[in-house]
Amino acid sequence: NRIKSFFQGKNYQAIKEGQRVYLTELLGGPKIYKGKDLVDIHKTVGLSDYHFDCFLSNAEKALSGLGLEDETIDEVAVTLEPVRAALMNRAQGLAAHAKVVDGQSVLDRI
């Protein structure tokens, strides 16, 4: 429900198929993705880090439900993380050391 609104009124099956093919390639599968560029797709959507985190959470739950080991799920999450900058339309991305919340870096908050 946290990201469902982005797909309302869209061809959900086509989006799912595009995601499946893109993610298959990203995770080491055959290079067959011929869809639109991620920046072009998401430039007017208005995604935030919260939305990307929700997507990662959904992916982790789905992979866990398939019985994958935690280490594999973590590896998928780490592989997906660099995509965040493109989806947020950040020219140079945001490194963990630069993401400051309440004056503290990610490392400070751990």
PDB file of N, CA and C in Angstrom:
ATOM      1  N   ASN A   1       0.805  -1.192   0.000  1.00  0.00           N
ATOM      2  CA  ASN A   1       0.000   0.000   0.000  1.00  0.00           C
ATOM      3  C   ASN A   1       0.850   1.260   0.000  1.00  0.00           C
ATOM      4  N   ARG A   2       2.065   1.171   0.508  1.00  0.00           N
ATOM      5  CA  ARG A   2       2.904   2.362   0.637  1.00  0.00           C
ATOM      6  C   ARG A   2       3.378   2.892  -0.700  1.00  0.00           C
ATOM      7  N   ILE A   3       3.455   2.041  -1.716  1.00  0.00           N
ATOM      8  CA  ILE A   3       3.872   2.505  -3.045  1.00  0.00           C
ATOM      9  C   ILE A   3       2.843   2.155  -4.115  1.00  0.00           C
ATOM     10  N   LYS A   4       1.766   1.558  -3.712  1.00  0.00           N
ATOM     11  CA  LYS A   4       0.735   1.101  -4.645  1.00  0.00           C
ATOM     12  C   LYS A   4       0.160   2.245  -5.489  1.00  0.00           C
ATOM     13  N   SER A   5       0.043   3.426  -4.908  1.00  0.00           N
ATOM     14  CA  SER A   5      -0.574   4.552  -5.614  1.00  0.00           C
ATOM     15  C   SER A   5       0.193   4.938  -6.882  1.00  0.00           C
ATOM     16  N   PHE A   6       1.478   4.643  -6.929  1.00  0.00           N
ATOM     17  CA  PHE A   6       2.267   4.970  -8.120  1.00  0.00           C
ATOM     18  C   PHE A   6       1.839   4.147  -9.334  1.00  0.00           C
ATOM     19  N   PHE A   7       1.169   3.021  -9.095  1.00  0.00           N
ATOM     20  CA  PHE A   7       0.812   2.116 -10.181  1.00  0.00           C
ATOM     21  C   PHE A   7      -0.654   2.207 -10.588  1.00  0.00           C
ATOM     22  N   GLN A   8      -1.434   3.018  -9.876  1.00  0.00           N
ATOM     23  CA  GLN A   8      -2.858   3.148 -10.193  1.00  0.00           C
ATOM     24  C   GLN A   8      -3.028   3.780 -11.569  1.00  0.00           C
ATOM     25  N   GLY A   9      -3.920   3.169 -12.363  1.00  0.00           N
ATOM     26  CA  GLY A   9      -4.189   3.672 -13.697  1.00  0.00           C
ATOM     27  C   GLY A   9      -3.126   3.318 -14.718  1.00  0.00           C
ATOM     28  N   LYS A  10      -2.170   2.527 -14.319  1.00  0.00           N
ATOM     29  CA  LYS A  10      -1.080   2.120 -15.215  1.00  0.00           C
ATOM     30  C   LYS A  10      -1.274   0.661 -15.614  1.00  0.00           C
ATOM     31  N   ASN A  11      -0.545   0.244 -16.637  1.00  0.00           N
ATOM     32  CA  ASN A  11      -0.576  -1.145 -17.075  1.00  0.00           C
ATOM     33  C   ASN A  11       0.313  -1.950 -16.116  1.00  0.00           C
ATOM     34  N   TYR A  12      -0.295  -2.419 -15.045  1.00  0.00           N
ATOM     35  CA  TYR A  12       0.436  -3.073 -13.966  1.00  0.00           C
ATOM     36  C   TYR A  12       1.190  -4.306 -14.455  1.00  0.00           C
ATOM     37  N   GLN A  13       0.582  -5.087 -15.321  1.00  0.00           N
ATOM     38  CA  GLN A  13       1.255  -6.297 -15.812  1.00  0.00           C
ATOM     39  C   GLN A  13       2.504  -5.942 -16.612  1.00  0.00           C
ATOM     40  N   ALA A  14       2.419  -4.897 -17.420  1.00  0.00           N
ATOM     41  CA  ALA A  14       3.588  -4.467 -18.200  1.00  0.00           C
ATOM     42  C   ALA A  14       4.687  -3.954 -17.270  1.00  0.00           C
ATOM     43  N   ILE A  15       4.295  -3.243 -16.218  1.00  0.00           N
ATOM     44  CA  ILE A  15       5.274  -2.747 -15.244  1.00  0.00           C
ATOM     45  C   ILE A  15       5.945  -3.915 -14.538  1.00  0.00           C
ATOM     46  N   LYS A  16       5.158  -4.888 -14.096  1.00  0.00           N
ATOM     47  CA  LYS A  16       5.729  -6.063 -13.428  1.00  0.00           C
ATOM     48  C   LYS A  16       6.707  -6.793 -14.339  1.00  0.00           C
ATOM     49  N   GLU A  17       6.333  -6.957 -15.598  1.00  0.00           N
ATOM     50  CA  GLU A  17       7.212  -7.652 -16.546  1.00  0.00           C
ATOM     51  C   GLU A  17       8.501  -6.854 -16.765  1.00  0.00           C
ATOM     52  N   GLY A  18       8.373  -5.547 -16.913  1.00  0.00           N
ATOM     53  CA  GLY A  18       9.556  -4.705 -17.077  1.00  0.00           C
ATOM     54  C   GLY A  18      10.470  -4.780 -15.867  1.00  0.00           C
ATOM     55  N   GLN A  19       9.874  -4.756 -14.668  1.00  0.00           N
ATOM     56  CA  GLN A  19      10.672  -4.879 -13.451  1.00  0.00           C
ATOM     57  C   GLN A  19      11.361  -6.243 -13.393  1.00  0.00           C
ATOM     58  N   ARG A  20      10.625  -7.283 -13.748  1.00  0.00           N
ATOM     59  CA  ARG A  20      11.194  -8.633 -13.705  1.00  0.00           C
ATOM     60  C   ARG A  20      12.411  -8.734 -14.621  1.00  0.00           C
ATOM     61  N   VAL A  21      12.273  -8.236 -15.830  1.00  0.00           N
ATOM     62  CA  VAL A  21      13.369  -8.327 -16.798  1.00  0.00           C
ATOM     63  C   VAL A  21      14.542  -7.451 -16.354  1.00  0.00           C
ATOM     64  N   TYR A  22      14.243  -6.235 -15.906  1.00  0.00           N
ATOM     65  CA  TYR A  22      15.301  -5.321 -15.452  1.00  0.00           C
ATOM     66  C   TYR A  22      16.051  -5.910 -14.262  1.00  0.00           C
ATOM     67  N   LEU A  23      15.302  -6.392 -13.268  1.00  0.00           N
ATOM     68  CA  LEU A  23      15.934  -6.937 -12.068  1.00  0.00           C
ATOM     69  C   LEU A  23      16.712  -8.214 -12.365  1.00  0.00           C
ATOM     70  N   THR A  24      16.209  -9.021 -13.281  1.00  0.00           N
ATOM     71  CA  THR A  24      16.932 -10.227 -13.685  1.00  0.00           C
ATOM     72  C   THR A  24      18.299  -9.847 -14.232  1.00  0.00           C
ATOM     73  N   GLU A  25      18.329  -8.831 -15.092  1.00  0.00           N
ATOM     74  CA  GLU A  25      19.595  -8.367 -15.654  1.00  0.00           C
ATOM     75  C   GLU A  25      20.489  -7.769 -14.576  1.00  0.00           C
ATOM     76  N   LEU A  26      19.919  -6.919 -13.731  1.00  0.00           N
ATOM     77  CA  LEU A  26      20.682  -6.264 -12.680  1.00  0.00           C
ATOM     78  C   LEU A  26      21.337  -7.272 -11.733  1.00  0.00           C
ATOM     79  N   LEU A  27      20.641  -8.383 -11.501  1.00  0.00           N
ATOM     80  CA  LEU A  27      21.142  -9.387 -10.558  1.00  0.00           C
ATOM     81  C   LEU A  27      22.022 -10.444 -11.220  1.00  0.00           C
ATOM     82  N   GLY A  28      22.398 -10.204 -12.484  1.00  0.00           N
ATOM     83  CA  GLY A  28      23.357 -11.087 -13.141  1.00  0.00           C
ATOM     84  C   GLY A  28      22.798 -11.974 -14.226  1.00  0.00           C
ATOM     85  N   GLY A  29      21.530 -11.804 -14.549  1.00  0.00           N
ATOM     86  CA  GLY A  29      20.924 -12.601 -15.608  1.00  0.00           C
ATOM     87  C   GLY A  29      21.274 -12.063 -16.986  1.00  0.00           C
ATOM     88  N   PRO A  30      20.654 -12.634 -18.007  1.00  0.00           N
ATOM     89  CA  PRO A  30      20.944 -12.192 -19.371  1.00  0.00           C
ATOM     90  C   PRO A  30      20.553 -10.729 -19.588  1.00  0.00           C
ATOM     91  N   LYS A  31      21.315 -10.060 -20.423  1.00  0.00           N
ATOM     92  CA  LYS A  31      21.086  -8.642 -20.708  1.00  0.00           C
ATOM     93  C   LYS A  31      20.036  -8.515 -21.808  1.00  0.00           C
ATOM     94  N   ILE A  32      18.767  -8.539 -21.392  1.00  0.00           N
ATOM     95  CA  ILE A  32      17.674  -8.489 -22.366  1.00  0.00           C
ATOM     96  C   ILE A  32      16.721  -7.320 -22.128  1.00  0.00           C
ATOM     97  N   TYR A  33      16.997  -6.468 -21.122  1.00  0.00           N
ATOM     98  CA  TYR A  33      16.108  -5.344 -20.832  1.00  0.00           C
ATOM     99  C   TYR A  33      16.160  -4.347 -21.979  1.00  0.00           C
ATOM    100  N   LYS A  34      15.007  -4.062 -22.555  1.00  0.00           N
ATOM    101  CA  LYS A  34      14.912  -3.121 -23.654  1.00  0.00           C
ATOM    102  C   LYS A  34      13.908  -2.011 -23.334  1.00  0.00           C
ATOM    103  N   GLY A  35      13.584  -1.886 -22.053  1.00  0.00           N
ATOM    104  CA  GLY A  35      12.613  -0.885 -21.620  1.00  0.00           C
ATOM    105  C   GLY A  35      13.202   0.506 -21.591  1.00  0.00           C
ATOM    106  N   LYS A  36      12.382   1.443 -21.144  1.00  0.00           N
ATOM    107  CA  LYS A  36      12.803   2.834 -21.028  1.00  0.00           C
ATOM    108  C   LYS A  36      13.883   2.974 -19.962  1.00  0.00           C
ATOM    109  N   ASP A  37      14.642   4.039 -20.075  1.00  0.00           N
ATOM    110  CA  ASP A  37      15.663   4.368 -19.106  1.00  0.00           C
ATOM    111  C   ASP A  37      15.003   4.687 -17.757  1.00  0.00           C
ATOM    112  N   LEU A  38      15.595   4.211 -16.664  1.00  0.00           N
ATOM    113  CA  LEU A  38      15.018   4.429 -15.341  1.00  0.00           C
ATOM    114  C   LEU A  38      14.821   5.904 -15.010  1.00  0.00           C
ATOM    115  N   VAL A  39      15.782   6.738 -15.384  1.00  0.00           N
ATOM    116  CA  VAL A  39      15.653   8.170 -15.109  1.00  0.00           C
ATOM    117  C   VAL A  39      14.433   8.729 -15.833  1.00  0.00           C
ATOM    118  N   ASP A  40      14.262   8.359 -17.101  1.00  0.00           N
ATOM    119  CA  ASP A  40      13.108   8.842 -17.866  1.00  0.00           C
ATOM    120  C   ASP A  40      11.791   8.370 -17.253  1.00  0.00           C
ATOM    121  N   ILE A  41      11.753   7.131 -16.827  1.00  0.00           N
ATOM    122  CA  ILE A  41      10.528   6.568 -16.254  1.00  0.00           C
ATOM    123  C   ILE A  41      10.140   7.284 -14.962  1.00  0.00           C
ATOM    124  N   HIS A  42      11.111   7.608 -14.136  1.00  0.00           N
ATOM    125  CA  HIS A  42      10.824   8.091 -12.792  1.00  0.00           C
ATOM    126  C   HIS A  42      10.966   9.602 -12.609  1.00  0.00           C
ATOM    127  N   LYS A  43      11.326  10.341 -13.660  1.00  0.00           N
ATOM    128  CA  LYS A  43      11.620  11.767 -13.480  1.00  0.00           C
ATOM    129  C   LYS A  43      10.432  12.588 -12.989  1.00  0.00           C
ATOM    130  N   THR A  44       9.220  12.197 -13.300  1.00  0.00           N
ATOM    131  CA  THR A  44       8.056  12.984 -12.875  1.00  0.00           C
ATOM    132  C   THR A  44       7.206  12.267 -11.821  1.00  0.00           C
ATOM    133  N   VAL A  45       7.698  11.166 -11.303  1.00  0.00           N
ATOM    134  CA  VAL A  45       6.907  10.357 -10.379  1.00  0.00           C
ATOM    135  C   VAL A  45       6.893  10.943  -8.964  1.00  0.00           C
ATOM    136  N   GLY A  46       7.990  11.566  -8.566  1.00  0.00           N
ATOM    137  CA  GLY A  46       8.051  12.151  -7.230  1.00  0.00           C
ATOM    138  C   GLY A  46       8.402  11.162  -6.137  1.00  0.00           C
ATOM    139  N   LEU A  47       9.312  10.244  -6.451  1.00  0.00           N
ATOM    140  CA  LEU A  47       9.740   9.262  -5.455  1.00  0.00           C
ATOM    141  C   LEU A  47      10.627   9.904  -4.401  1.00  0.00           C
ATOM    142  N   SER A  48      10.604   9.322  -3.223  1.00  0.00           N
ATOM    143  CA  SER A  48      11.482   9.757  -2.137  1.00  0.00           C
ATOM    144  C   SER A  48      12.275   8.544  -1.654  1.00  0.00           C
ATOM    145  N   ASP A  49      13.205   8.800  -0.763  1.00  0.00           N
ATOM    146  CA  ASP A  49      13.950   7.690  -0.159  1.00  0.00           C
ATOM    147  C   ASP A  49      13.000   6.741   0.561  1.00  0.00           C
ATOM    148  N   TYR A  50      11.961   7.288   1.163  1.00  0.00           N
ATOM    149  CA  TYR A  50      10.966   6.451   1.839  1.00  0.00           C
ATOM    150  C   TYR A  50      10.355   5.456   0.856  1.00  0.00           C
ATOM    151  N   HIS A  51       9.976   5.921  -0.325  1.00  0.00           N
ATOM    152  CA  HIS A  51       9.366   5.031  -1.320  1.00  0.00           C
ATOM    153  C   HIS A  51      10.353   3.950  -1.763  1.00  0.00           C
ATOM    154  N   PHE A  52      11.616   4.332  -1.951  1.00  0.00           N
ATOM    155  CA  PHE A  52      12.610   3.330  -2.339  1.00  0.00           C
ATOM    156  C   PHE A  52      12.802   2.313  -1.222  1.00  0.00           C
ATOM    157  N   ASP A  53      12.823   2.795   0.019  1.00  0.00           N
ATOM    158  CA  ASP A  53      12.939   1.878   1.157  1.00  0.00           C
ATOM    159  C   ASP A  53      11.758   0.910   1.201  1.00  0.00           C
ATOM    160  N   CYS A  54      10.560   1.408   0.888  1.00  0.00           N
ATOM    161  CA  CYS A  54       9.378   0.540   0.849  1.00  0.00           C
ATOM    162  C   CYS A  54       9.531  -0.527  -0.227  1.00  0.00           C
ATOM    163  N   PHE A  55      10.049  -0.134  -1.403  1.00  0.00           N
ATOM    164  CA  PHE A  55      10.291  -1.091  -2.476  1.00  0.00           C
ATOM    165  C   PHE A  55      11.277  -2.161  -2.020  1.00  0.00           C
ATOM    166  N   LEU A  56      12.371  -1.733  -1.387  1.00  0.00           N
ATOM    167  CA  LEU A  56      13.355  -2.701  -0.882  1.00  0.00           C
ATOM    168  C   LEU A  56      12.728  -3.629   0.151  1.00  0.00           C
ATOM    169  N   SER A  57      11.910  -3.080   1.025  1.00  0.00           N
ATOM    170  CA  SER A  57      11.245  -3.893   2.039  1.00  0.00           C
ATOM    171  C   SER A  57      10.335  -4.931   1.387  1.00  0.00           C
ATOM    172  N   ASN A  58       9.592  -4.509   0.381  1.00  0.00           N
ATOM    173  CA  ASN A  58       8.722  -5.449  -0.338  1.00  0.00           C
ATOM    174  C   ASN A  58       9.540  -6.547  -1.010  1.00  0.00           C
ATOM    175  N   ALA A  59      10.658  -6.158  -1.611  1.00  0.00           N
ATOM    176  CA  ALA A  59      11.524  -7.147  -2.272  1.00  0.00           C
ATOM    177  C   ALA A  59      12.070  -8.137  -1.247  1.00  0.00           C
ATOM    178  N   GLU A  60      12.506  -7.626  -0.107  1.00  0.00           N
ATOM    179  CA  GLU A  60      13.049  -8.495   0.937  1.00  0.00           C
ATOM    180  C   GLU A  60      11.989  -9.465   1.456  1.00  0.00           C
ATOM    181  N   LYS A  61      10.777  -8.987   1.650  1.00  0.00           N
ATOM    182  CA  LYS A  61       9.692  -9.860   2.107  1.00  0.00           C
ATOM    183  C   LYS A  61       9.391 -10.939   1.069  1.00  0.00           C
ATOM    184  N   ALA A  62       9.361 -10.561  -0.202  1.00  0.00           N
ATOM    185  CA  ALA A  62       9.076 -11.525  -1.258  1.00  0.00           C
ATOM    186  C   ALA A  62      10.166 -12.599  -1.325  1.00  0.00           C
ATOM    187  N   LEU A  63      11.411 -12.175  -1.242  1.00  0.00           N
ATOM    188  CA  LEU A  63      12.520 -13.129  -1.299  1.00  0.00           C
ATOM    189  C   LEU A  63      12.524 -14.038  -0.076  1.00  0.00           C
ATOM    190  N   SER A  64      12.227 -13.472   1.075  1.00  0.00           N
ATOM    191  CA  SER A  64      12.136 -14.280   2.289  1.00  0.00           C
ATOM    192  C   SER A  64      11.016 -15.305   2.164  1.00  0.00           C
ATOM    193  N   GLY A  65       9.889 -14.882   1.593  1.00  0.00           N
ATOM    194  CA  GLY A  65       8.755 -15.781   1.389  1.00  0.00           C
ATOM    195  C   GLY A  65       9.076 -16.924   0.449  1.00  0.00           C
ATOM    196  N   LEU A  66      10.065 -16.697  -0.432  1.00  0.00           N
ATOM    197  CA  LEU A  66      10.509 -17.763  -1.342  1.00  0.00           C
ATOM    198  C   LEU A  66      11.503 -18.703  -0.673  1.00  0.00           C
ATOM    199  N   GLY A  67      11.872 -18.372   0.568  1.00  0.00           N
ATOM    200  CA  GLY A  67      12.776 -19.249   1.311  1.00  0.00           C
ATOM    201  C   GLY A  67      14.249 -18.964   1.098  1.00  0.00           C
ATOM    202  N   LEU A  68      14.593 -17.820   0.524  1.00  0.00           N
ATOM    203  CA  LEU A  68      16.001 -17.502   0.327  1.00  0.00           C
ATOM    204  C   LEU A  68      16.673 -17.231   1.664  1.00  0.00           C
ATOM    205  N   GLU A  69      17.962 -17.506   1.725  1.00  0.00           N
ATOM    206  CA  GLU A  69      18.743 -17.269   2.931  1.00  0.00           C
ATOM    207  C   GLU A  69      18.944 -15.772   3.123  1.00  0.00           C
ATOM    208  N   ASP A  70      19.082 -15.350   4.370  1.00  0.00           N
ATOM    209  CA  ASP A  70      19.256 -13.937   4.692  1.00  0.00           C
ATOM    210  C   ASP A  70      20.440 -13.316   3.954  1.00  0.00           C
ATOM    211  N   GLU A  71      21.522 -14.063   3.818  1.00  0.00           N
ATOM    212  CA  GLU A  71      22.714 -13.542   3.150  1.00  0.00           C
ATOM    213  C   GLU A  71      22.414 -13.215   1.683  1.00  0.00           C
ATOM    214  N   THR A  72      21.615 -14.044   1.038  1.00  0.00           N
ATOM    215  CA  THR A  72      21.250 -13.802  -0.359  1.00  0.00           C
ATOM    216  C   THR A  72      20.337 -12.592  -0.465  1.00  0.00           C
ATOM    217  N   ILE A  73      19.394 -12.479   0.455  1.00  0.00           N
ATOM    218  CA  ILE A  73      18.489 -11.328   0.471  1.00  0.00           C
ATOM    219  C   ILE A  73      19.284 -10.049   0.688  1.00  0.00           C
ATOM    220  N   ASP A  74      20.257 -10.080   1.592  1.00  0.00           N
ATOM    221  CA  ASP A  74      21.108  -8.915   1.828  1.00  0.00           C
ATOM    222  C   ASP A  74      21.887  -8.547   0.576  1.00  0.00           C
ATOM    223  N   GLU A  75      22.382  -9.553  -0.131  1.00  0.00           N
ATOM    224  CA  GLU A  75      23.140  -9.303  -1.355  1.00  0.00           C
ATOM    225  C   GLU A  75      22.263  -8.635  -2.417  1.00  0.00           C
ATOM    226  N   VAL A  76      21.008  -9.066  -2.508  1.00  0.00           N
ATOM    227  CA  VAL A  76      20.071  -8.435  -3.445  1.00  0.00           C
ATOM    228  C   VAL A  76      19.860  -6.971  -3.052  1.00  0.00           C
ATOM    229  N   ALA A  77      19.635  -6.714  -1.776  1.00  0.00           N
ATOM    230  CA  ALA A  77      19.410  -5.343  -1.311  1.00  0.00           C
ATOM    231  C   ALA A  77      20.618  -4.461  -1.603  1.00  0.00           C
ATOM    232  N   VAL A  78      21.812  -4.980  -1.378  1.00  0.00           N
ATOM    233  CA  VAL A  78      23.031  -4.221  -1.649  1.00  0.00           C
ATOM    234  C   VAL A  78      23.173  -3.954  -3.152  1.00  0.00           C
ATOM    235  N   THR A  79      22.786  -4.903  -3.968  1.00  0.00           N
ATOM    236  CA  THR A  79      22.842  -4.730  -5.419  1.00  0.00           C
ATOM    237  C   THR A  79      21.838  -3.692  -5.893  1.00  0.00           C
ATOM    238  N   LEU A  80      20.666  -3.646  -5.262  1.00  0.00           N
ATOM    239  CA  LEU A  80      19.635  -2.685  -5.656  1.00  0.00           C
ATOM    240  C   LEU A  80      19.932  -1.268  -5.176  1.00  0.00           C
ATOM    241  N   GLU A  81      20.654  -1.139  -4.103  1.00  0.00           N
ATOM    242  CA  GLU A  81      20.863   0.177  -3.483  1.00  0.00           C
ATOM    243  C   GLU A  81      21.423   1.239  -4.436  1.00  0.00           C
ATOM    244  N   PRO A  82      22.404   0.932  -5.284  1.00  0.00           N
ATOM    245  CA  PRO A  82      22.918   1.973  -6.187  1.00  0.00           C
ATOM    246  C   PRO A  82      21.878   2.517  -7.170  1.00  0.00           C
ATOM    247  N   VAL A  83      20.789   1.794  -7.370  1.00  0.00           N
ATOM    248  CA  VAL A  83      19.733   2.254  -8.269  1.00  0.00           C
ATOM    249  C   VAL A  83      18.994   3.450  -7.664  1.00  0.00           C
ATOM    250  N   ARG A  84      19.067   3.600  -6.357  1.00  0.00           N
ATOM    251  CA  ARG A  84      18.360   4.672  -5.652  1.00  0.00           C
ATOM    252  C   ARG A  84      18.643   6.044  -6.283  1.00  0.00           C
ATOM    253  N   ALA A  85      19.904   6.345  -6.535  1.00  0.00           N
ATOM    254  CA  ALA A  85      20.269   7.664  -7.070  1.00  0.00           C
ATOM    255  C   ALA A  85      19.572   7.934  -8.401  1.00  0.00           C
ATOM    256  N   ALA A  86      19.510   6.921  -9.263  1.00  0.00           N
ATOM    257  CA  ALA A  86      18.834   7.111 -10.553  1.00  0.00           C
ATOM    258  C   ALA A  86      17.350   7.341 -10.359  1.00  0.00           C
ATOM    259  N   LEU A  87      16.728   6.573  -9.478  1.00  0.00           N
ATOM    260  CA  LEU A  87      15.296   6.711  -9.253  1.00  0.00           C
ATOM    261  C   LEU A  87      14.939   8.035  -8.596  1.00  0.00           C
ATOM    262  N   MET A  88      15.849   8.566  -7.799  1.00  0.00           N
ATOM    263  CA  MET A  88      15.608   9.846  -7.139  1.00  0.00           C
ATOM    264  C   MET A  88      16.022  11.008  -8.038  1.00  0.00           C
ATOM    265  N   ASN A  89      16.526  10.662  -9.237  1.00  0.00           N
ATOM    266  CA  ASN A  89      16.996  11.675 -10.181  1.00  0.00           C
ATOM    267  C   ASN A  89      18.082  12.553  -9.581  1.00  0.00           C
ATOM    268  N   ARG A  90      18.970  11.931  -8.841  1.00  0.00           N
ATOM    269  CA  ARG A  90      20.105  12.643  -8.264  1.00  0.00           C
ATOM    270  C   ARG A  90      21.249  12.586  -9.254  1.00  0.00           C
ATOM    271  N   ALA A  91      21.784  13.723  -9.577  1.00  0.00           N
ATOM    272  CA  ALA A  91      22.860  13.782 -10.555  1.00  0.00           C
ATOM    273  C   ALA A  91      24.073  12.966 -10.104  1.00  0.00           C
ATOM    274  N   GLN A  92      24.386  13.017  -8.810  1.00  0.00           N
ATOM    275  CA  GLN A  92      25.569  12.316  -8.333  1.00  0.00           C
ATOM    276  C   GLN A  92      25.266  11.330  -7.229  1.00  0.00           C
ATOM    277  N   GLY A  93      24.028  11.100  -6.927  1.00  0.00           N
ATOM    278  CA  GLY A  93      23.679  10.161  -5.879  1.00  0.00           C
ATOM    279  C   GLY A  93      23.908  10.757  -4.503  1.00  0.00           C
ATOM    280  N   LEU A  94      23.680   9.977  -3.502  1.00  0.00           N
ATOM    281  CA  LEU A  94      23.861  10.416  -2.124  1.00  0.00           C
ATOM    282  C   LEU A  94      24.563   9.297  -1.383  1.00  0.00           C
ATOM    283  N   ALA A  95      25.804   9.518  -1.057  1.00  0.00           N
ATOM    284  CA  ALA A  95      26.578   8.502  -0.352  1.00  0.00           C
ATOM    285  C   ALA A  95      26.108   8.412   1.093  1.00  0.00           C
ATOM    286  N   ALA A  96      26.288   7.244   1.682  1.00  0.00           N
ATOM    287  CA  ALA A  96      25.847   7.034   3.061  1.00  0.00           C
ATOM    288  C   ALA A  96      26.459   8.061   4.000  1.00  0.00           C
ATOM    289  N   HIS A  97      27.711   8.439   3.769  1.00  0.00           N
ATOM    290  CA  HIS A  97      28.358   9.406   4.663  1.00  0.00           C
ATOM    291  C   HIS A  97      27.756  10.794   4.530  1.00  0.00           C
ATOM    292  N   ALA A  98      27.037  11.053   3.426  1.00  0.00           N
ATOM    293  CA  ALA A  98      26.440  12.367   3.213  1.00  0.00           C
ATOM    294  C   ALA A  98      24.980  12.427   3.653  1.00  0.00           C
ATOM    295  N   LYS A  99      24.382  11.300   3.953  1.00  0.00           N
ATOM    296  CA  LYS A  99      22.976  11.271   4.356  1.00  0.00           C
ATOM    297  C   LYS A  99      22.909  11.542   5.852  1.00  0.00           C
ATOM    298  N   VAL A 100      22.670  12.780   6.204  1.00  0.00           N
ATOM    299  CA  VAL A 100      22.668  13.212   7.595  1.00  0.00           C
ATOM    300  C   VAL A 100      21.231  13.404   8.056  1.00  0.00           C
ATOM    301  N   VAL A 101      20.897  12.810   9.192  1.00  0.00           N
ATOM    302  CA  VAL A 101      19.591  12.952   9.818  1.00  0.00           C
ATOM    303  C   VAL A 101      19.826  13.418  11.239  1.00  0.00           C
ATOM    304  N   ASP A 102      19.198  14.517  11.596  1.00  0.00           N
ATOM    305  CA  ASP A 102      19.380  15.091  12.939  1.00  0.00           C
ATOM    306  C   ASP A 102      20.855  15.274  13.277  1.00  0.00           C
ATOM    307  N   GLY A 103      21.636  15.684  12.281  1.00  0.00           N
ATOM    308  CA  GLY A 103      23.050  15.963  12.498  1.00  0.00           C
ATOM    309  C   GLY A 103      23.944  14.748  12.587  1.00  0.00           C
ATOM    310  N   GLN A 104      23.413  13.557  12.294  1.00  0.00           N
ATOM    311  CA  GLN A 104      24.210  12.338  12.402  1.00  0.00           C
ATOM    312  C   GLN A 104      24.213  11.587  11.079  1.00  0.00           C
ATOM    313  N   SER A 105      25.368  11.029  10.725  1.00  0.00           N
ATOM    314  CA  SER A 105      25.489  10.176   9.546  1.00  0.00           C
ATOM    315  C   SER A 105      24.871   8.819   9.849  1.00  0.00           C
ATOM    316  N   VAL A 106      24.757   7.999   8.834  1.00  0.00           N
ATOM    317  CA  VAL A 106      24.241   6.643   9.025  1.00  0.00           C
ATOM    318  C   VAL A 106      25.117   5.899  10.043  1.00  0.00           C
ATOM    319  N   LEU A 107      26.426   6.011   9.882  1.00  0.00           N
ATOM    320  CA  LEU A 107      27.341   5.329  10.793  1.00  0.00           C
ATOM    321  C   LEU A 107      27.154   5.822  12.229  1.00  0.00           C
ATOM    322  N   ASP A 108      26.972   7.111  12.393  1.00  0.00           N
ATOM    323  CA  ASP A 108      26.757   7.659  13.742  1.00  0.00           C
ATOM    324  C   ASP A 108      25.499   7.085  14.384  1.00  0.00           C
ATOM    325  N   ARG A 109      24.492   6.818  13.568  1.00  0.00           N
ATOM    326  CA  ARG A 109      23.212   6.353  14.104  1.00  0.00           C
ATOM    327  C   ARG A 109      23.160   4.853  14.360  1.00  0.00           C
ATOM    328  N   ILE A 110      24.180   4.135  13.918  1.00  0.00           N
ATOM    329  CA  ILE A 110      24.198   2.670  14.106  1.00  0.00           C
ATOM    330  C   ILE A 110      24.622   2.341  15.517  1.00  0.00           C
TER     331      ILE A 110
END
